[in-house]
């Protein structure tokens, strides 16, 4: 409980509040504006409160990134569930959500994929969260292979190839390199679908390339 007149948090809420405050700071001011003291100020707790859950800024960043990956996977997963029997539509839907996540949360996307965190030495829970996002791609690929519409190639190879294409598009849009083609979310979706269809022509079996 805060001792400086700031509002207290019930047990179990503080960590979540600090992560939310950190995410807000990153999106509004970038990583340069993030510090444990500033997170405490935004969360409305004492400047020592963050140390109950995080050893340092790097520890906090890992926690924020974990939540970011979980959000990305959840949003893409919900899009996939709308097309349970159509792997082709699953691929497009998940890809569009991936791109939109980067457009709507550019600084968070940079934290997740910009090399800010060394994933080789990252906490296990963060690695698991990031891997879950990739496993969603693998699931879609396997669905397509089982349905007989994707080529029978190594799932990992197909997942890496298609994910790389979609990730590259998301980075280009977020970086402003395609501003004329992706000025609005509707345009982003249109461009994303076009790229998805082109990527799909590379993994669809010949009879399904229409």
N, C-alpha and C. Protein backbone atom coordinates (compact mmCIF):
# COMPACT_ATOMS: atom_id res chain seq x y z
N UNK A 1 0.85 -1.20 0.00
CA UNK A 1 0.00 0.00 0.00
C UNK A 1 0.88 1.24 0.00
N UNK A 2 0.45 2.23 -0.76
CA UNK A 2 1.23 3.46 -0.85
C UNK A 2 1.20 4.22 0.46
N UNK A 3 2.33 4.84 0.79
CA UNK A 3 2.42 5.61 2.03
C UNK A 3 2.57 7.10 1.76
N UNK A 4 2.43 7.49 0.49
CA UNK A 4 2.62 8.91 0.17
C UNK A 4 1.36 9.58 -0.33
N UNK A 5 0.21 9.01 0.04
CA UNK A 5 -1.06 9.63 -0.34
C UNK A 5 -1.58 9.20 -1.68
N UNK A 6 -0.78 8.40 -2.44
CA UNK A 6 -1.26 7.92 -3.73
C UNK A 6 -2.17 6.72 -3.51
N UNK A 7 -3.01 6.43 -4.53
CA UNK A 7 -4.01 5.40 -4.31
C UNK A 7 -3.36 4.03 -4.15
N UNK A 8 -3.89 3.20 -3.25
CA UNK A 8 -3.32 1.87 -3.01
C UNK A 8 -3.84 0.87 -4.04
N UNK A 9 -3.14 -0.25 -4.16
CA UNK A 9 -3.60 -1.34 -5.00
C UNK A 9 -3.83 -2.56 -4.14
N UNK A 10 -4.89 -3.31 -4.49
CA UNK A 10 -5.14 -4.55 -3.78
C UNK A 10 -4.08 -5.56 -4.18
N UNK A 11 -3.86 -6.54 -3.35
CA UNK A 11 -2.86 -7.57 -3.61
C UNK A 11 -3.15 -8.22 -4.97
N UNK A 12 -2.14 -8.33 -5.79
CA UNK A 12 -2.31 -8.96 -7.09
C UNK A 12 -2.57 -7.98 -8.21
N UNK A 13 -2.92 -6.74 -7.90
CA UNK A 13 -3.23 -5.75 -8.92
C UNK A 13 -2.01 -4.90 -9.30
N UNK A 14 -1.05 -4.79 -8.41
CA UNK A 14 0.06 -3.87 -8.62
C UNK A 14 0.86 -4.23 -9.87
N UNK A 15 1.22 -5.48 -10.02
CA UNK A 15 2.04 -5.88 -11.17
C UNK A 15 1.33 -5.54 -12.48
N UNK A 16 0.05 -5.87 -12.56
CA UNK A 16 -0.72 -5.58 -13.77
C UNK A 16 -0.78 -4.09 -14.02
N UNK A 17 -0.99 -3.31 -12.96
CA UNK A 17 -1.07 -1.85 -13.12
C UNK A 17 0.25 -1.27 -13.61
N UNK A 18 1.35 -1.80 -13.12
CA UNK A 18 2.67 -1.30 -13.54
C UNK A 18 2.94 -1.64 -15.00
N UNK A 19 2.54 -2.83 -15.42
CA UNK A 19 2.72 -3.23 -16.81
C UNK A 19 1.87 -2.35 -17.73
N UNK A 20 0.65 -2.08 -17.31
CA UNK A 20 -0.23 -1.22 -18.10
C UNK A 20 0.36 0.19 -18.21
N UNK A 21 0.86 0.68 -17.10
CA UNK A 21 1.46 2.01 -17.10
C UNK A 21 2.69 2.04 -18.00
N UNK A 22 3.50 0.99 -17.94
CA UNK A 22 4.68 0.92 -18.79
C UNK A 22 4.31 0.86 -20.27
N UNK A 23 3.29 0.11 -20.60
CA UNK A 23 2.83 0.01 -21.99
C UNK A 23 2.35 1.36 -22.49
N UNK A 24 1.65 2.07 -21.64
CA UNK A 24 1.14 3.39 -22.01
C UNK A 24 2.29 4.36 -22.28
N UNK A 25 3.28 4.34 -21.42
CA UNK A 25 4.44 5.22 -21.58
C UNK A 25 5.16 4.92 -22.88
N UNK A 26 5.35 3.64 -23.18
CA UNK A 26 6.05 3.25 -24.40
C UNK A 26 5.31 3.74 -25.63
N UNK A 27 4.01 3.56 -25.68
CA UNK A 27 3.24 3.97 -26.85
C UNK A 27 3.18 5.49 -26.99
N UNK A 28 3.16 6.19 -25.88
CA UNK A 28 3.04 7.65 -25.94
C UNK A 28 4.39 8.36 -26.11
N UNK A 29 5.45 7.81 -25.48
CA UNK A 29 6.72 8.52 -25.47
C UNK A 29 7.91 7.70 -25.95
N UNK A 30 7.68 6.43 -26.19
CA UNK A 30 8.77 5.58 -26.63
C UNK A 30 9.56 5.01 -25.46
N UNK A 31 10.50 4.14 -25.77
CA UNK A 31 11.29 3.49 -24.74
C UNK A 31 12.12 4.46 -23.92
N UNK A 32 12.51 5.58 -24.53
CA UNK A 32 13.34 6.56 -23.82
C UNK A 32 12.60 7.15 -22.62
N UNK A 33 11.28 7.16 -22.68
CA UNK A 33 10.51 7.75 -21.58
C UNK A 33 10.22 6.79 -20.46
N UNK A 34 10.65 5.53 -20.62
CA UNK A 34 10.32 4.52 -19.62
C UNK A 34 11.40 4.41 -18.54
N UNK A 35 10.95 4.42 -17.31
CA UNK A 35 11.80 4.15 -16.15
C UNK A 35 10.90 3.62 -15.06
N UNK A 36 11.46 2.93 -14.10
CA UNK A 36 10.65 2.41 -13.01
C UNK A 36 10.00 3.54 -12.21
N UNK A 37 10.72 4.63 -12.04
CA UNK A 37 10.17 5.77 -11.32
C UNK A 37 8.98 6.38 -12.07
N UNK A 38 9.12 6.50 -13.41
CA UNK A 38 8.04 7.08 -14.19
C UNK A 38 6.84 6.14 -14.25
N UNK A 39 7.09 4.86 -14.32
CA UNK A 39 6.00 3.88 -14.29
C UNK A 39 5.23 3.98 -12.98
N UNK A 40 5.96 4.13 -11.89
CA UNK A 40 5.32 4.28 -10.58
C UNK A 40 4.46 5.54 -10.54
N UNK A 41 4.98 6.62 -11.11
CA UNK A 41 4.22 7.88 -11.11
C UNK A 41 2.93 7.74 -11.90
N UNK A 42 3.02 7.14 -13.09
CA UNK A 42 1.83 6.98 -13.93
C UNK A 42 0.83 6.02 -13.29
N UNK A 43 1.34 4.99 -12.63
CA UNK A 43 0.46 4.03 -11.97
C UNK A 43 -0.13 4.58 -10.67
N UNK A 44 0.45 5.66 -10.15
CA UNK A 44 -0.06 6.27 -8.93
C UNK A 44 0.37 5.57 -7.67
N UNK A 45 1.61 5.04 -7.67
CA UNK A 45 2.12 4.35 -6.48
C UNK A 45 3.47 4.95 -6.10
N UNK A 46 4.01 4.53 -4.98
CA UNK A 46 5.29 5.06 -4.53
C UNK A 46 6.40 4.65 -5.49
N UNK A 47 7.49 5.40 -5.51
CA UNK A 47 8.55 5.12 -6.47
C UNK A 47 9.29 3.83 -6.16
N UNK A 48 9.09 3.29 -4.97
CA UNK A 48 9.72 2.02 -4.62
C UNK A 48 8.83 0.82 -4.93
N UNK A 49 7.55 1.06 -5.19
CA UNK A 49 6.60 -0.03 -5.40
C UNK A 49 6.98 -0.97 -6.55
N UNK A 50 7.47 -0.47 -7.68
CA UNK A 50 7.81 -1.39 -8.78
C UNK A 50 8.81 -2.46 -8.41
N UNK A 51 9.67 -2.18 -7.44
CA UNK A 51 10.71 -3.14 -7.08
C UNK A 51 10.14 -4.36 -6.35
N UNK A 52 8.88 -4.31 -6.03
CA UNK A 52 8.25 -5.50 -5.44
C UNK A 52 8.08 -6.59 -6.49
N UNK A 53 8.03 -6.18 -7.76
CA UNK A 53 7.79 -7.14 -8.84
C UNK A 53 8.88 -7.17 -9.90
N UNK A 54 9.66 -6.09 -10.02
CA UNK A 54 10.66 -6.02 -11.08
C UNK A 54 12.01 -5.58 -10.51
N UNK A 55 13.04 -6.32 -10.88
CA UNK A 55 14.38 -5.99 -10.37
C UNK A 55 14.90 -4.70 -11.00
N UNK A 56 14.61 -4.51 -12.28
CA UNK A 56 15.11 -3.35 -12.99
C UNK A 56 14.25 -3.09 -14.23
N UNK A 57 14.66 -2.12 -15.03
CA UNK A 57 13.91 -1.76 -16.23
C UNK A 57 13.83 -2.92 -17.21
N UNK A 58 14.90 -3.67 -17.36
CA UNK A 58 14.92 -4.80 -18.28
C UNK A 58 13.88 -5.85 -17.88
N UNK A 59 13.74 -6.05 -16.60
CA UNK A 59 12.76 -7.00 -16.08
C UNK A 59 11.34 -6.53 -16.41
N UNK A 60 11.11 -5.24 -16.26
CA UNK A 60 9.80 -4.67 -16.58
C UNK A 60 9.52 -4.78 -18.08
N UNK A 61 10.52 -4.48 -18.91
CA UNK A 61 10.35 -4.57 -20.35
C UNK A 61 9.98 -5.98 -20.78
N UNK A 62 10.59 -6.97 -20.16
CA UNK A 62 10.27 -8.36 -20.49
C UNK A 62 8.81 -8.68 -20.16
N UNK A 63 8.33 -8.16 -19.03
CA UNK A 63 6.95 -8.38 -18.64
C UNK A 63 5.98 -7.68 -19.60
N UNK A 64 6.32 -6.47 -20.00
CA UNK A 64 5.49 -5.73 -20.95
C UNK A 64 5.46 -6.47 -22.29
N UNK A 65 6.61 -6.96 -22.73
CA UNK A 65 6.68 -7.68 -24.00
C UNK A 65 5.86 -8.97 -23.93
N UNK A 66 5.89 -9.64 -22.81
CA UNK A 66 5.11 -10.87 -22.65
C UNK A 66 3.63 -10.58 -22.86
N UNK A 67 3.15 -9.53 -22.22
CA UNK A 67 1.74 -9.15 -22.37
C UNK A 67 1.44 -8.75 -23.82
N UNK A 68 2.41 -8.08 -24.46
CA UNK A 68 2.23 -7.69 -25.85
C UNK A 68 2.07 -8.90 -26.76
N UNK A 69 2.92 -9.90 -26.57
CA UNK A 69 2.81 -11.13 -27.37
C UNK A 69 1.49 -11.84 -27.11
N UNK A 70 1.07 -11.85 -25.86
CA UNK A 70 -0.18 -12.50 -25.52
C UNK A 70 -1.36 -11.79 -26.18
N UNK A 71 -1.31 -10.47 -26.21
CA UNK A 71 -2.36 -9.69 -26.87
C UNK A 71 -2.38 -9.98 -28.37
N UNK A 72 -1.22 -9.99 -28.99
CA UNK A 72 -1.11 -10.27 -30.42
C UNK A 72 -1.67 -11.65 -30.74
N UNK A 73 -1.27 -12.65 -29.98
CA UNK A 73 -1.72 -14.02 -30.22
C UNK A 73 -3.23 -14.14 -30.01
N UNK A 74 -3.73 -13.46 -29.00
CA UNK A 74 -5.16 -13.51 -28.71
C UNK A 74 -5.98 -12.89 -29.85
N UNK A 75 -5.56 -11.74 -30.33
CA UNK A 75 -6.30 -11.07 -31.39
C UNK A 75 -6.26 -11.87 -32.69
N UNK A 76 -5.08 -12.39 -33.02
CA UNK A 76 -4.96 -13.20 -34.24
C UNK A 76 -5.72 -14.51 -34.09
N UNK A 77 -5.66 -15.09 -32.89
CA UNK A 77 -6.37 -16.35 -32.64
C UNK A 77 -7.87 -16.21 -32.79
N UNK A 78 -8.42 -15.11 -32.31
CA UNK A 78 -9.86 -14.88 -32.44
C UNK A 78 -10.25 -14.75 -33.91
N UNK A 79 -9.39 -14.12 -34.69
CA UNK A 79 -9.66 -13.97 -36.12
C UNK A 79 -9.65 -15.34 -36.80
N UNK A 80 -8.73 -16.20 -36.39
CA UNK A 80 -8.63 -17.55 -36.96
C UNK A 80 -9.89 -18.36 -36.66
N UNK A 81 -10.40 -18.23 -35.44
CA UNK A 81 -11.57 -19.00 -35.02
C UNK A 81 -12.82 -18.69 -35.83
N UNK A 82 -12.84 -17.56 -36.50
CA UNK A 82 -14.00 -17.20 -37.34
C UNK A 82 -14.04 -18.01 -38.62
N UNK A 83 -12.94 -18.72 -38.92
CA UNK A 83 -12.85 -19.48 -40.17
C UNK A 83 -12.31 -20.88 -39.89
N UNK A 84 -12.98 -21.60 -38.98
CA UNK A 84 -12.47 -22.88 -38.51
C UNK A 84 -12.25 -23.92 -39.61
N UNK A 85 -12.99 -23.83 -40.69
CA UNK A 85 -12.92 -24.87 -41.72
C UNK A 85 -12.31 -24.35 -43.02
N UNK A 86 -11.61 -23.24 -42.94
CA UNK A 86 -11.02 -22.68 -44.16
C UNK A 86 -9.62 -22.13 -43.85
N UNK A 87 -8.60 -22.98 -43.95
CA UNK A 87 -7.23 -22.55 -43.64
C UNK A 87 -6.76 -21.35 -44.45
N UNK A 88 -7.24 -21.25 -45.68
CA UNK A 88 -6.85 -20.12 -46.52
C UNK A 88 -7.34 -18.81 -45.89
N UNK A 89 -8.61 -18.79 -45.46
CA UNK A 89 -9.15 -17.60 -44.81
C UNK A 89 -8.52 -17.39 -43.44
N UNK A 90 -8.17 -18.48 -42.76
CA UNK A 90 -7.49 -18.36 -41.47
C UNK A 90 -6.17 -17.62 -41.63
N UNK A 91 -5.44 -17.98 -42.67
CA UNK A 91 -4.15 -17.35 -42.92
C UNK A 91 -4.31 -15.86 -43.17
N UNK A 92 -5.26 -15.50 -44.00
CA UNK A 92 -5.49 -14.08 -44.31
C UNK A 92 -5.94 -13.32 -43.07
N UNK A 93 -6.89 -13.89 -42.32
CA UNK A 93 -7.43 -13.21 -41.14
C UNK A 93 -6.36 -12.99 -40.09
N UNK A 94 -5.56 -14.00 -39.81
CA UNK A 94 -4.50 -13.87 -38.81
C UNK A 94 -3.45 -12.86 -39.27
N UNK A 95 -3.14 -12.88 -40.54
CA UNK A 95 -2.15 -11.95 -41.08
C UNK A 95 -2.62 -10.51 -40.97
N UNK A 96 -3.88 -10.27 -41.28
CA UNK A 96 -4.42 -8.91 -41.19
C UNK A 96 -4.36 -8.42 -39.76
N UNK A 97 -4.71 -9.27 -38.79
CA UNK A 97 -4.66 -8.87 -37.39
C UNK A 97 -3.22 -8.59 -36.95
N UNK A 98 -2.29 -9.36 -37.46
CA UNK A 98 -0.87 -9.15 -37.15
C UNK A 98 -0.43 -7.78 -37.65
N UNK A 99 -0.81 -7.46 -38.87
CA UNK A 99 -0.43 -6.17 -39.46
C UNK A 99 -1.09 -5.02 -38.71
N UNK A 100 -2.37 -5.17 -38.40
CA UNK A 100 -3.09 -4.12 -37.69
C UNK A 100 -2.52 -3.90 -36.29
N UNK A 101 -2.07 -4.97 -35.66
CA UNK A 101 -1.45 -4.83 -34.34
C UNK A 101 -0.25 -3.91 -34.43
N UNK A 102 0.56 -4.10 -35.45
CA UNK A 102 1.74 -3.25 -35.62
C UNK A 102 1.39 -1.82 -35.96
N UNK A 103 0.33 -1.64 -36.75
CA UNK A 103 -0.11 -0.29 -37.13
C UNK A 103 -0.67 0.45 -35.93
N UNK A 104 -1.44 -0.25 -35.12
CA UNK A 104 -2.08 0.38 -33.97
C UNK A 104 -1.13 0.55 -32.78
N UNK A 105 -0.13 -0.30 -32.71
CA UNK A 105 0.82 -0.27 -31.58
C UNK A 105 2.25 -0.31 -32.09
N UNK A 106 2.67 0.68 -32.85
CA UNK A 106 3.99 0.63 -33.50
C UNK A 106 5.16 0.50 -32.54
N UNK A 107 5.10 1.21 -31.41
CA UNK A 107 6.22 1.14 -30.47
C UNK A 107 6.23 -0.17 -29.70
N UNK A 108 5.04 -0.71 -29.45
CA UNK A 108 4.98 -2.03 -28.82
C UNK A 108 5.51 -3.08 -29.78
N UNK A 109 5.15 -2.98 -31.05
CA UNK A 109 5.64 -3.92 -32.05
C UNK A 109 7.16 -3.85 -32.15
N UNK A 110 7.69 -2.63 -32.03
CA UNK A 110 9.15 -2.47 -32.08
C UNK A 110 9.81 -3.15 -30.88
N UNK A 111 9.15 -3.06 -29.72
CA UNK A 111 9.68 -3.73 -28.53
C UNK A 111 9.69 -5.24 -28.74
N UNK A 112 8.63 -5.76 -29.35
CA UNK A 112 8.52 -7.21 -29.53
C UNK A 112 9.49 -7.75 -30.58
N UNK A 113 9.66 -6.98 -31.67
CA UNK A 113 10.40 -7.53 -32.80
C UNK A 113 11.61 -6.70 -33.23
N UNK A 114 11.91 -5.64 -32.51
CA UNK A 114 12.98 -4.75 -32.94
C UNK A 114 14.34 -5.04 -32.35
N UNK A 115 14.49 -6.18 -31.70
CA UNK A 115 15.79 -6.53 -31.13
C UNK A 115 16.09 -5.82 -29.82
N UNK A 116 15.09 -5.19 -29.24
CA UNK A 116 15.28 -4.51 -27.94
C UNK A 116 15.59 -5.53 -26.85
N UNK A 117 14.90 -6.65 -26.92
CA UNK A 117 15.10 -7.72 -25.95
C UNK A 117 15.81 -8.88 -26.63
N UNK A 118 16.84 -9.39 -25.99
CA UNK A 118 17.56 -10.55 -26.52
C UNK A 118 16.75 -11.80 -26.18
N UNK A 119 16.07 -12.36 -27.17
CA UNK A 119 15.20 -13.50 -26.91
C UNK A 119 15.97 -14.74 -26.51
N UNK A 120 17.24 -14.79 -26.82
CA UNK A 120 18.04 -15.95 -26.42
C UNK A 120 18.22 -16.02 -24.92
N UNK A 121 18.25 -14.86 -24.28
CA UNK A 121 18.45 -14.82 -22.83
C UNK A 121 17.20 -14.33 -22.09
N UNK A 122 16.10 -14.22 -22.80
CA UNK A 122 14.86 -13.71 -22.20
C UNK A 122 14.28 -14.72 -21.20
N UNK A 123 13.46 -14.25 -20.26
CA UNK A 123 12.80 -15.16 -19.31
C UNK A 123 11.98 -16.22 -20.05
N UNK A 124 11.86 -17.37 -19.46
CA UNK A 124 11.16 -18.48 -20.11
C UNK A 124 9.71 -18.12 -20.45
N UNK A 125 9.03 -17.38 -19.57
CA UNK A 125 7.63 -17.04 -19.83
C UNK A 125 7.50 -16.13 -21.05
N UNK A 126 8.50 -15.28 -21.27
CA UNK A 126 8.48 -14.43 -22.45
C UNK A 126 8.73 -15.25 -23.71
N UNK A 127 9.67 -16.17 -23.64
CA UNK A 127 9.94 -17.04 -24.78
C UNK A 127 8.70 -17.85 -25.14
N UNK A 128 8.00 -18.32 -24.12
CA UNK A 128 6.78 -19.11 -24.36
C UNK A 128 5.71 -18.26 -25.02
N UNK A 129 5.59 -17.00 -24.59
CA UNK A 129 4.59 -16.11 -25.16
C UNK A 129 4.91 -15.81 -26.62
N UNK A 130 6.18 -15.58 -26.92
CA UNK A 130 6.56 -15.30 -28.30
C UNK A 130 6.40 -16.54 -29.17
N UNK A 131 6.71 -17.69 -28.62
CA UNK A 131 6.58 -18.93 -29.37
C UNK A 131 5.13 -19.25 -29.67
N UNK A 132 4.23 -18.88 -28.76
CA UNK A 132 2.80 -19.12 -28.98
C UNK A 132 2.30 -18.39 -30.22
N UNK A 133 2.84 -17.19 -30.45
CA UNK A 133 2.46 -16.42 -31.64
C UNK A 133 2.88 -17.15 -32.90
N UNK A 134 4.08 -17.73 -32.88
CA UNK A 134 4.56 -18.47 -34.04
C UNK A 134 3.80 -19.78 -34.20
N UNK A 135 3.45 -20.41 -33.10
CA UNK A 135 2.73 -21.68 -33.17
C UNK A 135 1.36 -21.50 -33.82
N UNK A 136 0.78 -20.32 -33.69
CA UNK A 136 -0.49 -20.06 -34.35
C UNK A 136 -0.32 -20.16 -35.87
N UNK A 137 0.79 -19.63 -36.36
CA UNK A 137 1.08 -19.74 -37.80
C UNK A 137 1.25 -21.20 -38.18
N UNK A 138 1.99 -21.95 -37.37
CA UNK A 138 2.18 -23.37 -37.65
C UNK A 138 0.85 -24.12 -37.67
N UNK A 139 -0.04 -23.76 -36.75
CA UNK A 139 -1.35 -24.42 -36.70
C UNK A 139 -2.11 -24.20 -38.00
N UNK A 140 -2.09 -22.96 -38.49
CA UNK A 140 -2.78 -22.65 -39.74
C UNK A 140 -2.18 -23.45 -40.89
N UNK A 141 -0.86 -23.51 -40.96
CA UNK A 141 -0.19 -24.27 -42.01
C UNK A 141 -0.58 -25.74 -41.93
N UNK A 142 -0.57 -26.30 -40.73
CA UNK A 142 -0.95 -27.71 -40.57
C UNK A 142 -2.40 -27.94 -40.94
N UNK A 143 -3.26 -26.98 -40.61
CA UNK A 143 -4.67 -27.11 -41.00
C UNK A 143 -4.79 -27.19 -42.52
N UNK A 144 -4.01 -26.34 -43.19
CA UNK A 144 -4.05 -26.33 -44.65
C UNK A 144 -3.49 -27.61 -45.26
N UNK A 145 -2.47 -28.15 -44.64
CA UNK A 145 -1.89 -29.40 -45.14
C UNK A 145 -2.85 -30.56 -44.94
N UNK A 146 -3.51 -30.60 -43.78
CA UNK A 146 -4.47 -31.66 -43.51
C UNK A 146 -5.67 -31.57 -44.45
N UNK A 147 -6.05 -30.33 -44.77
CA UNK A 147 -7.18 -30.13 -45.68
C UNK A 147 -6.81 -30.41 -47.13
N UNK A 148 -5.52 -30.59 -47.38
CA UNK A 148 -5.06 -30.91 -48.72
C UNK A 148 -5.00 -29.72 -49.66
N UNK A 149 -4.92 -28.48 -49.09
CA UNK A 149 -4.87 -27.31 -49.96
C UNK A 149 -3.50 -26.62 -49.93
N UNK A 150 -2.66 -26.94 -48.93
CA UNK A 150 -1.30 -26.41 -48.89
C UNK A 150 -0.33 -27.51 -49.31
N UNK A 151 0.77 -27.12 -49.90
CA UNK A 151 1.75 -28.11 -50.34
C UNK A 151 2.33 -28.88 -49.17
N UNK A 152 2.71 -30.10 -49.42
CA UNK A 152 3.23 -30.97 -48.37
C UNK A 152 4.72 -30.73 -48.19
N UNK A 153 5.04 -29.60 -47.60
CA UNK A 153 6.42 -29.24 -47.29
C UNK A 153 6.56 -29.10 -45.79
N UNK A 154 7.78 -28.99 -45.32
CA UNK A 154 8.04 -28.86 -43.89
C UNK A 154 7.26 -27.68 -43.31
N UNK A 155 6.49 -27.95 -42.25
CA UNK A 155 5.64 -26.92 -41.66
C UNK A 155 6.44 -25.72 -41.18
N UNK A 156 7.57 -25.97 -40.54
CA UNK A 156 8.41 -24.88 -40.03
C UNK A 156 8.86 -23.98 -41.17
N UNK A 157 9.28 -24.58 -42.28
CA UNK A 157 9.76 -23.81 -43.42
C UNK A 157 8.64 -22.94 -43.99
N UNK A 158 7.45 -23.50 -44.13
CA UNK A 158 6.33 -22.75 -44.66
C UNK A 158 5.91 -21.63 -43.71
N UNK A 159 5.91 -21.93 -42.41
CA UNK A 159 5.51 -20.93 -41.41
C UNK A 159 6.50 -19.77 -41.38
N UNK A 160 7.79 -20.08 -41.39
CA UNK A 160 8.81 -19.03 -41.37
C UNK A 160 8.72 -18.17 -42.63
N UNK A 161 8.53 -18.80 -43.77
CA UNK A 161 8.46 -18.07 -45.04
C UNK A 161 7.27 -17.12 -45.07
N UNK A 162 6.10 -17.62 -44.72
CA UNK A 162 4.90 -16.77 -44.78
C UNK A 162 4.92 -15.70 -43.69
N UNK A 163 5.37 -16.07 -42.48
CA UNK A 163 5.42 -15.09 -41.40
C UNK A 163 6.39 -13.97 -41.73
N UNK A 164 7.50 -14.34 -42.34
CA UNK A 164 8.50 -13.32 -42.71
C UNK A 164 7.89 -12.30 -43.68
N UNK A 165 7.10 -12.79 -44.63
CA UNK A 165 6.48 -11.88 -45.59
C UNK A 165 5.50 -10.93 -44.93
N UNK A 166 4.67 -11.45 -44.06
CA UNK A 166 3.68 -10.62 -43.38
C UNK A 166 4.36 -9.66 -42.41
N UNK A 167 5.37 -10.14 -41.70
CA UNK A 167 6.09 -9.28 -40.76
C UNK A 167 6.77 -8.14 -41.50
N UNK A 168 7.34 -8.45 -42.66
CA UNK A 168 8.00 -7.41 -43.44
C UNK A 168 7.02 -6.34 -43.88
N UNK A 169 5.84 -6.77 -44.29
CA UNK A 169 4.81 -5.80 -44.70
C UNK A 169 4.40 -4.93 -43.51
N UNK A 170 4.20 -5.56 -42.36
CA UNK A 170 3.81 -4.81 -41.16
C UNK A 170 4.87 -3.77 -40.80
N UNK A 171 6.13 -4.13 -40.91
CA UNK A 171 7.22 -3.21 -40.61
C UNK A 171 7.25 -2.04 -41.59
N UNK A 172 7.05 -2.33 -42.85
CA UNK A 172 7.05 -1.27 -43.86
C UNK A 172 5.91 -0.29 -43.63
N UNK A 173 4.74 -0.81 -43.30
CA UNK A 173 3.59 0.07 -43.06
C UNK A 173 3.81 0.90 -41.81
N UNK A 174 4.22 0.25 -40.72
CA UNK A 174 4.44 0.96 -39.46
C UNK A 174 5.53 2.01 -39.58
N UNK A 175 6.52 1.74 -40.42
CA UNK A 175 7.62 2.68 -40.61
C UNK A 175 7.29 3.83 -41.54
N UNK A 176 6.08 3.81 -42.10
CA UNK A 176 5.65 4.90 -42.97
C UNK A 176 6.14 4.80 -44.40
N UNK A 177 6.70 3.65 -44.77
CA UNK A 177 7.25 3.50 -46.12
C UNK A 177 6.17 3.27 -47.17
N UNK A 178 4.97 2.91 -46.73
CA UNK A 178 3.88 2.66 -47.66
C UNK A 178 2.70 3.57 -47.37
N UNK A 179 3.00 4.80 -47.00
CA UNK A 179 1.96 5.72 -46.54
C UNK A 179 0.88 5.98 -47.60
N UNK A 180 1.27 6.00 -48.86
CA UNK A 180 0.28 6.24 -49.91
C UNK A 180 -0.67 5.07 -50.09
N UNK A 181 -0.15 3.88 -49.86
CA UNK A 181 -0.96 2.68 -50.06
C UNK A 181 -1.68 2.23 -48.79
N UNK A 182 -1.23 2.72 -47.64
CA UNK A 182 -1.80 2.26 -46.37
C UNK A 182 -2.02 3.42 -45.42
N UNK A 183 -2.74 4.43 -45.89
CA UNK A 183 -3.00 5.62 -45.07
C UNK A 183 -4.11 5.38 -44.06
N UNK A 184 -5.00 4.45 -44.33
CA UNK A 184 -6.12 4.14 -43.42
C UNK A 184 -6.11 2.65 -43.12
N UNK A 185 -6.84 2.25 -42.08
CA UNK A 185 -6.89 0.83 -41.74
C UNK A 185 -7.57 0.03 -42.85
N UNK A 186 -8.53 0.63 -43.53
CA UNK A 186 -9.17 -0.07 -44.65
C UNK A 186 -8.14 -0.36 -45.75
N UNK A 187 -7.29 0.63 -46.02
CA UNK A 187 -6.25 0.43 -47.02
C UNK A 187 -5.23 -0.60 -46.55
N UNK A 188 -4.94 -0.59 -45.26
CA UNK A 188 -4.03 -1.58 -44.69
C UNK A 188 -4.58 -2.99 -44.92
N UNK A 189 -5.86 -3.16 -44.66
CA UNK A 189 -6.48 -4.47 -44.84
C UNK A 189 -6.45 -4.89 -46.30
N UNK A 190 -6.74 -3.95 -47.19
CA UNK A 190 -6.73 -4.26 -48.63
C UNK A 190 -5.34 -4.67 -49.09
N UNK A 191 -4.33 -3.92 -48.67
CA UNK A 191 -2.96 -4.23 -49.03
C UNK A 191 -2.53 -5.56 -48.43
N UNK A 192 -2.92 -5.77 -47.17
CA UNK A 192 -2.58 -7.02 -46.50
C UNK A 192 -3.17 -8.23 -47.20
N UNK A 193 -4.42 -8.13 -47.62
CA UNK A 193 -5.06 -9.24 -48.31
C UNK A 193 -4.37 -9.52 -49.64
N UNK A 194 -3.97 -8.47 -50.34
CA UNK A 194 -3.28 -8.65 -51.61
C UNK A 194 -1.97 -9.40 -51.41
N UNK A 195 -1.19 -8.99 -50.40
CA UNK A 195 0.08 -9.65 -50.13
C UNK A 195 -0.15 -11.09 -49.68
N UNK A 196 -1.18 -11.31 -48.86
CA UNK A 196 -1.50 -12.66 -48.40
C UNK A 196 -1.80 -13.58 -49.58
N UNK A 197 -2.59 -13.09 -50.52
CA UNK A 197 -2.95 -13.90 -51.67
C UNK A 197 -1.71 -14.26 -52.49
N UNK A 198 -0.78 -13.32 -52.61
CA UNK A 198 0.44 -13.59 -53.34
C UNK A 198 1.32 -14.60 -52.60
N UNK A 199 1.36 -14.49 -51.27
CA UNK A 199 2.10 -15.46 -50.49
C UNK A 199 1.46 -16.85 -50.59
N UNK A 200 0.14 -16.88 -50.58
CA UNK A 200 -0.56 -18.15 -50.64
C UNK A 200 -0.31 -18.88 -51.94
N UNK A 201 -0.12 -18.15 -53.02
CA UNK A 201 0.12 -18.83 -54.29
C UNK A 201 1.40 -19.66 -54.24
N UNK A 202 2.25 -19.34 -53.29
CA UNK A 202 3.49 -20.09 -53.15
C UNK A 202 3.35 -21.34 -52.32
N UNK A 203 2.29 -21.44 -51.50
CA UNK A 203 2.14 -22.63 -50.65
C UNK A 203 0.89 -23.44 -50.97
N UNK A 204 0.03 -22.92 -51.85
CA UNK A 204 -1.13 -23.70 -52.27
C UNK A 204 -0.71 -24.78 -53.25
N UNK A 205 -1.38 -25.93 -53.18
CA UNK A 205 -1.13 -26.97 -54.16
C UNK A 205 -1.59 -26.48 -55.53
N UNK A 206 -1.02 -26.96 -56.60
CA UNK A 206 -1.36 -26.49 -57.95
C UNK A 206 -2.85 -26.41 -58.24
N UNK A 207 -3.62 -27.42 -57.81
CA UNK A 207 -5.06 -27.43 -58.10
C UNK A 207 -5.81 -26.34 -57.39
N UNK A 208 -5.20 -25.75 -56.33
CA UNK A 208 -5.87 -24.73 -55.54
C UNK A 208 -5.41 -23.32 -55.89
N UNK A 209 -4.53 -23.17 -56.84
CA UNK A 209 -4.05 -21.85 -57.24
C UNK A 209 -5.02 -21.26 -58.26
N UNK A 210 -5.99 -20.55 -57.74
CA UNK A 210 -7.03 -19.97 -58.60
C UNK A 210 -6.93 -18.46 -58.60
